[in-house]
Amino acid sequence: MRVKRQKKNRRTVRFFTVCFGFRQPFKVLCDGTFVHHLVSREITPADTVISELLGGPVKLFTTRCVLAELQKLGKDFSESLEAAQMLSTATCEHDEAKPADECLSEVLGTQNTEHFFLGTQDADFRKKLQKESIVPLLFGLNNSLQIDQPSDFQRETAKDSERKRLTMTDAEKRMLVKQTARILASSRGEGAAEDEQWEAPRVVSSRNGLGVKDRPQFKRNRAKGPNPLSCMKKKKVNDTKKPQSKPKAESKSGGQEVKKGESGAEKRTRKRSRKGKAASERT
């Protein structure tokens, strides 16, 4: 798919999502001609190809009238019938099978409240829906899928809905008139009581005779004293060294003698044990 065509398709999908509330996963309603085109051109898997076209996950639907129409067409459309039977079935309240275009027109309606995309190869049916319904249309072109650009009717419908959202309704106008009248009456000191549904809580904070405020005030969590653990006193380091213990002159198992060397430093010498020599002389 070329980059320009892909950008144009994404722009079309964004138009319907923003203006008319289409959401993922997108629901695609397929008629018999669209299913037959997918099967004959071997565009499989269909849900993956359509999701790449729309830029999001999709769910494929059909109706019982479409299945009945494919069944009447005979063996040439047997593979298309099997593929259509694997799709989810959208509810159509028809006891007897109707032509596919009439059935799909009734399921979609003018406002398309179910937010369906429609896949069809019928050019006349697509032109009819572009003039009277809010339906994004898909169709196959050779081995690729395309999406029709929004029609003039759909763009005008989007602009009208935007104007309605920006303008006030009659109920909002009446509410505004009552609110302005209440504000003017309170500013003049008349204090006329309005209906309870229009009565707003007092905003001015003042003290009454009991010394209690009209509205609660919440205490702010202000910084308190410093953390005592972070302000611990430094430990004093003693400069005086510990007195060294005097070495013992001799020990029971072989004492040690302390001598002073030429430099005046104390030098320890180990006294040899004579037990080994005495034992050798006896033997």
Protein backbone atom coordinates (compact mmCIF):
# COMPACT_ATOMS: atom_id res chain seq x y z
CA MET A 1 0.00 0.00 0.00
CA ARG A 2 1.36 3.39 -0.95
CA VAL A 3 2.06 5.94 1.74
CA LYS A 4 -0.30 8.61 0.35
CA ARG A 5 -3.18 6.15 0.06
CA GLN A 6 -2.55 4.86 3.57
CA LYS A 7 -2.58 8.41 4.99
CA LYS A 8 -5.84 9.14 3.17
CA ASN A 9 -7.45 5.98 4.58
CA ARG A 10 -6.30 6.76 8.13
CA ARG A 11 -7.66 10.30 7.77
CA THR A 12 -11.05 8.91 6.74
CA VAL A 13 -11.15 6.53 9.71
CA ARG A 14 -10.20 9.39 12.05
CA PHE A 15 -13.07 11.49 10.66
CA PHE A 16 -15.64 8.84 11.61
CA THR A 17 -14.08 8.14 15.01
CA VAL A 18 -13.98 11.81 16.01
CA CYS A 19 -17.27 13.02 14.52
CA PHE A 20 -19.51 9.96 14.96
CA GLY A 21 -17.98 7.95 17.79
CA PHE A 22 -16.66 4.86 16.00
CA ARG A 23 -14.45 2.84 18.37
CA GLN A 24 -12.16 -0.17 18.25
CA PRO A 25 -12.63 -3.01 17.62
CA PHE A 26 -14.30 -1.82 14.40
CA LYS A 27 -17.35 -3.79 13.26
CA VAL A 28 -17.43 -4.54 9.53
CA LEU A 29 -20.68 -5.73 7.94
CA CYS A 30 -20.01 -7.77 4.77
CA ASP A 31 -22.42 -8.55 1.95
CA GLY A 32 -22.17 -11.47 -0.48
CA THR A 33 -20.33 -9.57 -3.23
CA PHE A 34 -17.61 -8.43 -0.82
CA VAL A 35 -17.10 -11.94 0.60
CA HIS A 36 -16.97 -13.40 -2.94
CA HIS A 37 -14.32 -10.83 -3.94
CA LEU A 38 -12.17 -11.74 -0.94
CA VAL A 39 -12.41 -15.46 -1.73
CA SER A 40 -11.85 -15.15 -5.49
CA ARG A 41 -8.85 -12.82 -5.10
CA GLU A 42 -7.48 -14.91 -2.23
CA ILE A 43 -7.26 -11.94 0.11
CA THR A 44 -6.69 -13.95 3.26
CA PRO A 45 -6.84 -13.77 6.19
CA ALA A 46 -9.56 -11.18 5.64
CA ASP A 47 -9.66 -9.83 9.20
CA THR A 48 -5.89 -9.13 9.15
CA VAL A 49 -6.06 -7.29 5.82
CA ILE A 50 -9.03 -5.18 6.91
CA SER A 51 -7.41 -4.37 10.27
CA GLU A 52 -4.32 -3.11 8.44
CA LEU A 53 -6.59 -0.94 6.29
CA LEU A 54 -8.46 0.59 9.23
CA GLY A 55 -5.52 0.73 11.63
CA GLY A 56 -7.11 -1.30 14.42
CA PRO A 57 -8.66 -4.67 15.34
CA VAL A 58 -11.89 -5.62 13.55
CA LYS A 59 -14.83 -8.02 13.83
CA LEU A 60 -16.56 -9.27 10.68
CA PHE A 61 -20.36 -9.65 10.51
CA THR A 62 -23.01 -10.67 8.01
CA THR A 63 -26.78 -11.29 8.08
CA ARG A 64 -29.04 -14.28 7.51
CA CYS A 65 -30.49 -12.64 4.39
CA VAL A 66 -27.00 -12.40 2.87
CA LEU A 67 -26.39 -16.09 3.59
CA ALA A 68 -29.72 -17.01 2.00
CA GLU A 69 -28.85 -14.97 -1.09
CA LEU A 70 -25.47 -16.71 -1.46
CA GLN A 71 -27.15 -20.08 -1.07
CA LYS A 72 -29.51 -19.30 -3.97
CA LEU A 73 -26.63 -18.45 -6.33
CA GLY A 74 -25.55 -22.09 -6.62
CA LYS A 75 -22.27 -23.97 -6.75
CA ASP A 76 -20.24 -21.07 -8.13
CA PHE A 77 -20.60 -19.31 -4.78
CA SER A 78 -20.24 -22.36 -2.53
CA GLU A 79 -16.80 -21.30 -1.25
CA SER A 80 -18.09 -17.80 -0.60
CA LEU A 81 -21.05 -19.28 1.31
CA GLU A 82 -18.72 -21.35 3.50
CA ALA A 83 -16.58 -18.30 4.21
CA ALA A 84 -19.64 -16.17 5.05
CA GLN A 85 -20.99 -18.81 7.42
CA MET A 86 -17.80 -18.48 9.48
CA LEU A 87 -18.55 -14.79 10.20
CA SER A 88 -20.60 -13.50 13.12
CA THR A 89 -24.28 -12.91 12.40
CA ALA A 90 -25.84 -9.50 12.95
CA THR A 91 -29.48 -9.54 14.02
CA CYS A 92 -32.00 -8.74 11.30
CA GLU A 93 -35.67 -9.08 12.21
CA HIS A 94 -36.83 -10.71 8.98
CA ASP A 95 -38.90 -13.86 9.08
CA GLU A 96 -38.54 -14.30 5.32
CA ALA A 97 -35.30 -13.61 3.48
CA LYS A 98 -35.12 -10.23 1.78
CA PRO A 99 -32.68 -8.96 -0.84
CA ALA A 100 -29.30 -8.25 0.68
CA ASP A 101 -29.33 -4.51 -0.02
CA GLU A 102 -32.74 -4.02 1.64
CA CYS A 103 -31.71 -6.07 4.65
CA LEU A 104 -28.45 -4.19 5.12
CA SER A 105 -30.19 -0.81 4.71
CA GLU A 106 -32.61 -1.67 7.53
CA VAL A 107 -29.81 -2.95 9.80
CA LEU A 108 -27.73 0.19 9.27
CA GLY A 109 -30.48 2.82 9.25
CA THR A 110 -29.76 6.48 8.62
CA GLN A 111 -27.82 7.12 11.84
CA ASN A 112 -25.95 3.77 11.99
CA THR A 113 -26.28 3.55 15.77
CA GLU A 114 -24.29 0.27 15.85
CA HIS A 115 -21.31 1.98 14.14
CA PHE A 116 -20.86 -0.56 11.35
CA PHE A 117 -18.43 -0.32 8.46
CA LEU A 118 -19.94 -1.82 5.31
CA GLY A 119 -18.04 -3.88 2.75
CA THR A 120 -19.73 -4.20 -0.64
CA GLN A 121 -18.83 -4.35 -4.33
CA ASP A 122 -22.18 -2.88 -5.46
CA ALA A 123 -21.35 0.64 -6.72
CA ASP A 124 -25.01 1.75 -6.93
CA PHE A 125 -25.66 0.60 -3.37
CA ARG A 126 -22.60 2.54 -2.16
CA LYS A 127 -23.78 5.75 -3.86
CA LYS A 128 -27.22 5.36 -2.29
CA LEU A 129 -25.79 4.95 1.22
CA GLN A 130 -23.46 7.93 0.82
CA LYS A 131 -26.46 10.19 0.23
CA GLU A 132 -28.67 9.00 3.08
CA SER A 133 -26.65 7.22 5.79
CA ILE A 134 -23.58 7.66 8.01
CA VAL A 135 -21.70 4.53 6.96
CA PRO A 136 -18.01 4.25 6.02
CA LEU A 137 -17.80 2.03 2.95
CA LEU A 138 -15.16 -0.56 2.01
CA PHE A 139 -14.68 -2.13 -1.42
CA GLY A 140 -12.12 -4.28 -3.20
CA LEU A 141 -10.02 -3.10 -6.13
CA ASN A 142 -8.08 -5.93 -7.79
CA ASN A 143 -6.00 -7.47 -4.98
CA SER A 144 -6.30 -4.56 -2.54
CA LEU A 145 -9.01 -3.01 -0.38
CA GLN A 146 -10.08 0.63 -0.38
CA ILE A 147 -12.27 2.89 1.75
CA ASP A 148 -14.54 5.58 0.31
CA GLN A 149 -13.94 9.19 1.33
CA PRO A 150 -16.69 10.89 3.39
CA SER A 151 -19.49 12.22 1.23
CA ASP A 152 -20.93 15.75 1.29
CA PHE A 153 -23.96 14.50 3.24
CA GLN A 154 -21.76 12.96 5.92
CA ARG A 155 -19.62 16.11 6.24
CA GLU A 156 -22.70 18.34 6.58
CA THR A 157 -24.15 16.01 9.21
CA ALA A 158 -20.90 16.26 11.18
CA LYS A 159 -20.97 20.07 11.00
CA ASP A 160 -24.61 20.18 12.17
CA SER A 161 -23.86 17.95 15.15
CA GLU A 162 -20.90 20.18 16.04
CA ARG A 163 -23.13 23.29 15.95
CA LYS A 164 -25.65 21.59 18.22
CA ARG A 165 -22.93 20.79 20.74
CA LEU A 166 -21.71 24.40 20.75
CA THR A 167 -25.17 26.06 21.09
CA MET A 168 -27.29 26.02 24.26
CA THR A 169 -30.51 24.08 24.47
CA ASP A 170 -33.77 25.58 25.76
CA ALA A 171 -33.33 23.92 29.17
CA GLU A 172 -29.81 25.37 29.49
CA LYS A 173 -31.10 28.83 28.58
CA ARG A 174 -33.81 28.67 31.27
CA MET A 175 -31.22 27.52 33.79
CA LEU A 176 -28.96 30.45 32.87
CA VAL A 177 -31.80 32.96 33.29
CA LYS A 178 -32.66 31.65 36.75
CA GLN A 179 -29.04 31.65 37.86
CA THR A 180 -28.47 35.24 36.71
CA ALA A 181 -31.67 36.38 38.46
CA ARG A 182 -30.58 34.73 41.71
CA ILE A 183 -27.12 36.32 41.54
CA LEU A 184 -28.58 39.79 40.89
CA ALA A 185 -31.06 39.42 43.76
CA SER A 186 -28.35 38.39 46.21
CA SER A 187 -26.09 41.27 45.14
CA ARG A 188 -28.87 43.82 45.77
CA GLY A 189 -29.43 42.45 49.26
CA GLU A 190 -32.94 41.24 48.62
CA GLY A 191 -31.99 37.66 49.44
CA ALA A 192 -34.90 36.18 47.57
CA ALA A 193 -34.87 32.41 48.06
CA GLU A 194 -34.93 30.42 44.89
CA ASP A 195 -35.87 26.80 44.41
CA GLU A 196 -33.69 24.29 46.23
CA GLN A 197 -32.34 22.80 43.01
CA TRP A 198 -30.87 26.18 42.03
CA GLU A 199 -29.58 27.00 45.49
CA ALA A 200 -25.77 26.99 45.60
CA PRO A 201 -23.61 26.71 48.74
CA ARG A 202 -22.19 29.92 50.20
CA VAL A 203 -18.68 30.72 49.12
CA VAL A 204 -17.92 33.67 51.39
CA SER A 205 -16.10 32.58 54.55
CA SER A 206 -17.17 34.68 57.53
CA ARG A 207 -17.63 34.19 61.25
CA ASN A 208 -21.02 34.19 62.92
CA GLY A 209 -21.81 35.18 66.49
CA LEU A 210 -20.67 31.83 67.89
CA GLY A 211 -17.20 32.23 66.42
CA VAL A 212 -17.65 29.32 64.00
CA LYS A 213 -16.77 29.64 60.33
CA ASP A 214 -19.51 29.19 57.75
CA ARG A 215 -17.48 26.77 55.67
CA PRO A 216 -14.91 24.25 56.84
CA GLN A 217 -11.29 25.03 56.34
CA PHE A 218 -8.87 22.21 55.93
CA LYS A 219 -5.49 22.34 57.56
CA ARG A 220 -2.56 22.35 55.27
CA ASN A 221 0.23 19.94 55.90
CA ARG A 222 3.02 22.38 56.60
CA ALA A 223 6.60 21.47 57.26
CA LYS A 224 7.28 20.75 60.89
CA GLY A 225 10.59 20.62 62.77
CA PRO A 226 13.58 18.88 61.27
CA ASN A 227 13.91 15.16 61.46
CA PRO A 228 15.72 14.35 64.74
CA LEU A 229 17.49 11.41 63.12
CA SER A 230 19.09 13.68 60.57
CA CYS A 231 20.29 16.09 63.29
CA MET A 232 22.13 13.70 65.60
CA LYS A 233 25.16 15.07 67.45
CA LYS A 234 28.53 14.06 66.16
CA LYS A 235 30.44 11.63 68.33
CA LYS A 236 33.63 12.99 69.94
CA VAL A 237 36.85 11.25 68.91
CA ASN A 238 39.29 10.68 71.82
CA ASP A 239 42.84 11.74 70.93
CA THR A 240 44.42 9.82 73.77
CA LYS A 241 45.49 6.34 72.78
CA LYS A 242 44.66 3.34 74.87
CA PRO A 243 47.56 2.17 77.10
CA GLN A 244 49.22 -0.90 75.74
CA SER A 245 49.15 -3.97 77.92
CA LYS A 246 52.50 -5.09 79.23
CA PRO A 247 53.61 -8.45 77.84
CA LYS A 248 54.13 -11.21 80.30
CA ALA A 249 57.75 -12.15 80.93
CA GLU A 250 57.18 -15.82 81.01
CA SER A 251 54.32 -18.22 80.55
CA LYS A 252 53.81 -21.67 81.89
CA SER A 253 54.04 -23.41 78.46
CA GLY A 254 57.12 -21.56 77.34
CA GLY A 255 57.52 -17.98 78.40
CA GLN A 256 58.64 -14.96 76.39
CA GLU A 257 61.48 -12.58 77.21
CA VAL A 258 61.36 -8.90 76.34
CA LYS A 259 64.57 -7.37 75.07
CA LYS A 260 65.42 -3.91 73.88
CA GLY A 261 67.16 -3.55 70.58
CA GLU A 262 69.67 -1.00 69.49
CA SER A 263 66.95 1.45 68.48
CA GLY A 264 65.34 1.24 71.89
CA ALA A 265 62.20 -0.55 70.71
CA GLU A 266 61.02 -3.54 72.63
CA LYS A 267 61.79 -6.87 70.97
CA ARG A 268 60.14 -10.12 71.87
CA THR A 269 62.02 -13.43 71.86
CA ARG A 270 60.46 -16.82 72.28
CA LYS A 271 62.12 -19.15 74.82
CA ARG A 272 62.73 -22.60 73.44
CA SER A 273 61.10 -25.53 75.12
CA ARG A 274 63.46 -28.25 76.43
CA LYS A 275 60.82 -30.94 76.70
CA GLY A 276 61.70 -32.37 73.32
CA LYS A 277 65.45 -32.71 74.15
CA ALA A 278 64.75 -34.37 77.53
CA ALA A 279 62.55 -36.99 75.89
CA SER A 280 65.21 -37.80 73.26
CA GLU A 281 67.97 -38.22 75.92
CA ARG A 282 65.85 -40.71 77.89
CA THR A 283 65.40 -42.88 74.87
